[in-house]
Amino acid sequence: MKVSDMEEIGQTVVPLYGLDPKTMRDWNEEFQVTKTFPGEHFLQRIQKDRATHRIYNDFVEAATKGATAIIEGKLSPLNPNEALEHHVYVYNQIFYSFAIDLPTSFKDLTNAQNSPSFTQANHDINGLRLL
């Protein structure tokens, strides 16, 4: 067995998979700080956009790693006694849960042509666009 395999097994057994307390980030705070950056001049707007882009890319990378860890079974749920579809996870200050469509879910948001999870995600995206 290679050393890298041993490290991966050690990470799988640890319930805090991939957690590095030195790199804990408050994503919301970082986004809010970049919104307060001045943007009156061209160079200021460029710096503001760079900072926002960097935080966004870091967030997407962290979210992808967390989702991958959940799918691979390397991350322990916060509620392991619940059914699998009700498990929730937190990884790198990001909250994860499963989007499950049940016939009785979100009756007010769905009809025969669309799925509730898709509709709910669309509403979230539209709300973010308004911000």
C-alpha atoms as a PDB file:
ATOM      1  CA  MET A   1       0.000   0.000   0.000  1.00  0.00           C
ATOM      2  CA  LYS A   2       1.373   3.414  -1.004  1.00  0.00           C
ATOM      3  CA  VAL A   3       1.736   6.332   1.387  1.00  0.00           C
ATOM      4  CA  SER A   4      -0.859   8.345  -0.556  1.00  0.00           C
ATOM      5  CA  ASP A   5      -3.367   5.482  -0.133  1.00  0.00           C
ATOM      6  CA  MET A   6      -2.683   5.431   3.608  1.00  0.00           C
ATOM      7  CA  GLU A   7      -3.292   9.183   3.828  1.00  0.00           C
ATOM      8  CA  GLU A   8      -6.564   8.851   1.900  1.00  0.00           C
ATOM      9  CA  ILE A   9      -7.738   6.048   4.190  1.00  0.00           C
ATOM     10  CA  GLY A  10      -6.810   8.180   7.204  1.00  0.00           C
ATOM     11  CA  GLN A  11      -8.831  11.075   5.814  1.00  0.00           C
ATOM     12  CA  THR A  12     -11.805   8.805   5.173  1.00  0.00           C
ATOM     13  CA  VAL A  13     -11.860   7.551   8.745  1.00  0.00           C
ATOM     14  CA  VAL A  14     -11.612  11.055  10.182  1.00  0.00           C
ATOM     15  CA  PRO A  15     -15.082  12.650  10.352  1.00  0.00           C
ATOM     16  CA  LEU A  16     -13.596  16.049   9.484  1.00  0.00           C
ATOM     17  CA  TYR A  17     -12.441  15.068   6.001  1.00  0.00           C
ATOM     18  CA  GLY A  18     -10.269  17.722   4.410  1.00  0.00           C
ATOM     19  CA  LEU A  19     -10.708  20.203   7.242  1.00  0.00           C
ATOM     20  CA  ASP A  20      -7.796  22.535   7.724  1.00  0.00           C
ATOM     21  CA  PRO A  21      -8.590  24.959  10.582  1.00  0.00           C
ATOM     22  CA  LYS A  22      -5.877  27.323   9.338  1.00  0.00           C
ATOM     23  CA  THR A  23      -7.751  27.915   6.106  1.00  0.00           C
ATOM     24  CA  MET A  24     -11.299  28.347   7.437  1.00  0.00           C
ATOM     25  CA  ARG A  25     -13.007  31.044   5.410  1.00  0.00           C
ATOM     26  CA  ASP A  26     -16.167  33.037   5.940  1.00  0.00           C
ATOM     27  CA  TRP A  27     -17.399  33.169   2.352  1.00  0.00           C
ATOM     28  CA  ASN A  28     -20.242  35.580   3.004  1.00  0.00           C
ATOM     29  CA  GLU A  29     -17.967  38.016   4.823  1.00  0.00           C
ATOM     30  CA  GLU A  30     -15.440  37.941   1.991  1.00  0.00           C
ATOM     31  CA  PHE A  31     -18.124  38.648  -0.623  1.00  0.00           C
ATOM     32  CA  GLN A  32     -19.575  41.462   1.485  1.00  0.00           C
ATOM     33  CA  VAL A  33     -16.145  43.068   1.907  1.00  0.00           C
ATOM     34  CA  THR A  34     -15.551  43.104  -1.845  1.00  0.00           C
ATOM     35  CA  LYS A  35     -18.923  44.807  -2.347  1.00  0.00           C
ATOM     36  CA  THR A  36     -17.701  47.694  -0.183  1.00  0.00           C
ATOM     37  CA  PHE A  37     -14.575  48.248  -2.285  1.00  0.00           C
ATOM     38  CA  PRO A  38     -14.614  51.603  -4.075  1.00  0.00           C
ATOM     39  CA  GLY A  39     -15.372  51.460  -7.785  1.00  0.00           C
ATOM     40  CA  GLU A  40     -15.439  55.044  -9.007  1.00  0.00           C
ATOM     41  CA  HIS A  41     -12.329  54.769 -11.153  1.00  0.00           C
ATOM     42  CA  PHE A  42     -11.419  52.192 -13.757  1.00  0.00           C
ATOM     43  CA  LEU A  43      -8.492  50.723 -11.778  1.00  0.00           C
ATOM     44  CA  GLN A  44     -10.627  50.459  -8.646  1.00  0.00           C
ATOM     45  CA  ARG A  45     -13.304  48.573 -10.572  1.00  0.00           C
ATOM     46  CA  ILE A  46     -10.669  46.202 -11.926  1.00  0.00           C
ATOM     47  CA  GLN A  47      -9.336  45.520  -8.417  1.00  0.00           C
ATOM     48  CA  LYS A  48     -12.876  45.013  -7.110  1.00  0.00           C
ATOM     49  CA  ASP A  49     -13.711  42.621  -9.944  1.00  0.00           C
ATOM     50  CA  ARG A  50     -10.477  40.672  -9.465  1.00  0.00           C
ATOM     51  CA  ALA A  51     -11.140  40.234  -5.748  1.00  0.00           C
ATOM     52  CA  THR A  52     -14.720  39.121  -6.387  1.00  0.00           C
ATOM     53  CA  HIS A  53     -13.608  36.739  -9.133  1.00  0.00           C
ATOM     54  CA  ARG A  54     -10.932  35.199  -6.915  1.00  0.00           C
ATOM     55  CA  ILE A  55     -13.365  34.613  -4.038  1.00  0.00           C
ATOM     56  CA  TYR A  56     -15.946  33.181  -6.432  1.00  0.00           C
ATOM     57  CA  ASN A  57     -13.434  30.756  -7.964  1.00  0.00           C
ATOM     58  CA  ASP A  58     -12.178  29.680  -4.522  1.00  0.00           C
ATOM     59  CA  PHE A  59     -15.770  29.109  -3.405  1.00  0.00           C
ATOM     60  CA  VAL A  60     -16.611  27.015  -6.468  1.00  0.00           C
ATOM     61  CA  GLU A  61     -13.464  24.936  -5.952  1.00  0.00           C
ATOM     62  CA  ALA A  62     -14.278  24.360  -2.261  1.00  0.00           C
ATOM     63  CA  ALA A  63     -17.923  23.545  -3.054  1.00  0.00           C
ATOM     64  CA  THR A  64     -16.854  21.064  -5.728  1.00  0.00           C
ATOM     65  CA  LYS A  65     -14.426  19.353  -3.352  1.00  0.00           C
ATOM     66  CA  GLY A  66     -17.149  19.103  -0.720  1.00  0.00           C
ATOM     67  CA  ALA A  67     -19.697  17.665  -3.138  1.00  0.00           C
ATOM     68  CA  THR A  68     -17.126  15.164  -4.403  1.00  0.00           C
ATOM     69  CA  ALA A  69     -16.280  14.125  -0.835  1.00  0.00           C
ATOM     70  CA  ILE A  70     -19.981  13.576  -0.096  1.00  0.00           C
ATOM     71  CA  ILE A  71     -20.522  11.467  -3.212  1.00  0.00           C
ATOM     72  CA  GLU A  72     -17.390   9.405  -2.482  1.00  0.00           C
ATOM     73  CA  GLY A  73     -18.565   8.852   1.105  1.00  0.00           C
ATOM     74  CA  LYS A  74     -15.579  10.589   2.671  1.00  0.00           C
ATOM     75  CA  LEU A  75     -17.595  13.167   4.594  1.00  0.00           C
ATOM     76  CA  SER A  76     -19.716  12.299   7.609  1.00  0.00           C
ATOM     77  CA  PRO A  77     -23.242  13.742   7.763  1.00  0.00           C
ATOM     78  CA  LEU A  78     -24.276  15.927  10.684  1.00  0.00           C
ATOM     79  CA  ASN A  79     -27.344  13.722  11.175  1.00  0.00           C
ATOM     80  CA  PRO A  80     -26.195  10.127  10.513  1.00  0.00           C
ATOM     81  CA  ASN A  81     -29.293   8.606  12.174  1.00  0.00           C
ATOM     82  CA  GLU A  82     -31.607  10.098   9.544  1.00  0.00           C
ATOM     83  CA  ALA A  83     -32.407   8.537   6.178  1.00  0.00           C
ATOM     84  CA  LEU A  84     -29.766   9.056   3.470  1.00  0.00           C
ATOM     85  CA  GLU A  85     -31.878  11.573   1.537  1.00  0.00           C
ATOM     86  CA  HIS A  86     -32.165  13.728   4.685  1.00  0.00           C
ATOM     87  CA  HIS A  87     -28.440  13.868   5.454  1.00  0.00           C
ATOM     88  CA  VAL A  88     -26.880  17.298   5.723  1.00  0.00           C
ATOM     89  CA  TYR A  89     -23.192  18.127   5.575  1.00  0.00           C
ATOM     90  CA  VAL A  90     -20.897  21.053   6.277  1.00  0.00           C
ATOM     91  CA  TYR A  91     -17.551  21.288   4.542  1.00  0.00           C
ATOM     92  CA  ASN A  92     -15.301  24.339   4.577  1.00  0.00           C
ATOM     93  CA  GLN A  93     -18.127  26.515   5.948  1.00  0.00           C
ATOM     94  CA  ILE A  94     -20.471  25.405   3.129  1.00  0.00           C
ATOM     95  CA  PHE A  95     -23.766  23.668   3.903  1.00  0.00           C
ATOM     96  CA  TYR A  96     -24.835  20.725   1.700  1.00  0.00           C
ATOM     97  CA  SER A  97     -28.080  18.796   1.474  1.00  0.00           C
ATOM     98  CA  PHE A  98     -29.710  16.617  -1.164  1.00  0.00           C
ATOM     99  CA  ALA A  99     -32.329  17.987  -3.568  1.00  0.00           C
ATOM    100  CA  ILE A 100     -35.041  15.364  -3.669  1.00  0.00           C
ATOM    101  CA  ASP A 101     -38.233  15.514  -5.678  1.00  0.00           C
ATOM    102  CA  LEU A 102     -41.196  13.847  -4.067  1.00  0.00           C
ATOM    103  CA  PRO A 103     -44.739  13.976  -5.452  1.00  0.00           C
ATOM    104  CA  THR A 104     -45.869  15.848  -2.335  1.00  0.00           C
ATOM    105  CA  SER A 105     -42.995  18.341  -2.253  1.00  0.00           C
ATOM    106  CA  PHE A 106     -43.448  21.929  -3.341  1.00  0.00           C
ATOM    107  CA  LYS A 107     -46.881  21.411  -4.893  1.00  0.00           C
ATOM    108  CA  ASP A 108     -47.244  25.171  -5.224  1.00  0.00           C
ATOM    109  CA  LEU A 109     -44.034  25.416  -7.318  1.00  0.00           C
ATOM    110  CA  THR A 110     -44.514  22.521  -9.692  1.00  0.00           C
ATOM    111  CA  ASN A 111     -46.788  21.196 -12.361  1.00  0.00           C
ATOM    112  CA  ALA A 112     -46.622  18.120 -14.577  1.00  0.00           C
ATOM    113  CA  GLN A 113     -43.954  19.680 -16.844  1.00  0.00           C
ATOM    114  CA  ASN A 114     -41.224  20.632 -14.362  1.00  0.00           C
ATOM    115  CA  SER A 115     -39.477  19.259 -11.308  1.00  0.00           C
ATOM    116  CA  PRO A 116     -39.598  20.990  -7.904  1.00  0.00           C
ATOM    117  CA  SER A 117     -35.821  20.949  -7.377  1.00  0.00           C
ATOM    118  CA  PHE A 118     -35.233  22.611 -10.740  1.00  0.00           C
ATOM    119  CA  THR A 119     -37.942  25.186 -10.035  1.00  0.00           C
ATOM    120  CA  GLN A 120     -36.593  25.930  -6.579  1.00  0.00           C
ATOM    121  CA  ALA A 121     -33.045  26.305  -7.910  1.00  0.00           C
ATOM    122  CA  ASN A 122     -34.353  28.669 -10.592  1.00  0.00           C
ATOM    123  CA  HIS A 123     -36.043  30.804  -7.948  1.00  0.00           C
ATOM    124  CA  ASP A 124     -32.774  30.926  -5.981  1.00  0.00           C
ATOM    125  CA  ILE A 125     -30.827  32.010  -9.061  1.00  0.00           C
ATOM    126  CA  ASN A 126     -33.392  34.666  -9.949  1.00  0.00           C
ATOM    127  CA  GLY A 127     -33.210  35.995  -6.398  1.00  0.00           C
ATOM    128  CA  LEU A 128     -29.417  36.179  -6.592  1.00  0.00           C
ATOM    129  CA  ARG A 129     -29.621  38.060  -9.883  1.00  0.00           C
ATOM    130  CA  LEU A 130     -31.767  40.684  -8.189  1.00  0.00           C
ATOM    131  CA  LEU A 131     -29.039  41.255  -5.621  1.00  0.00           C
END
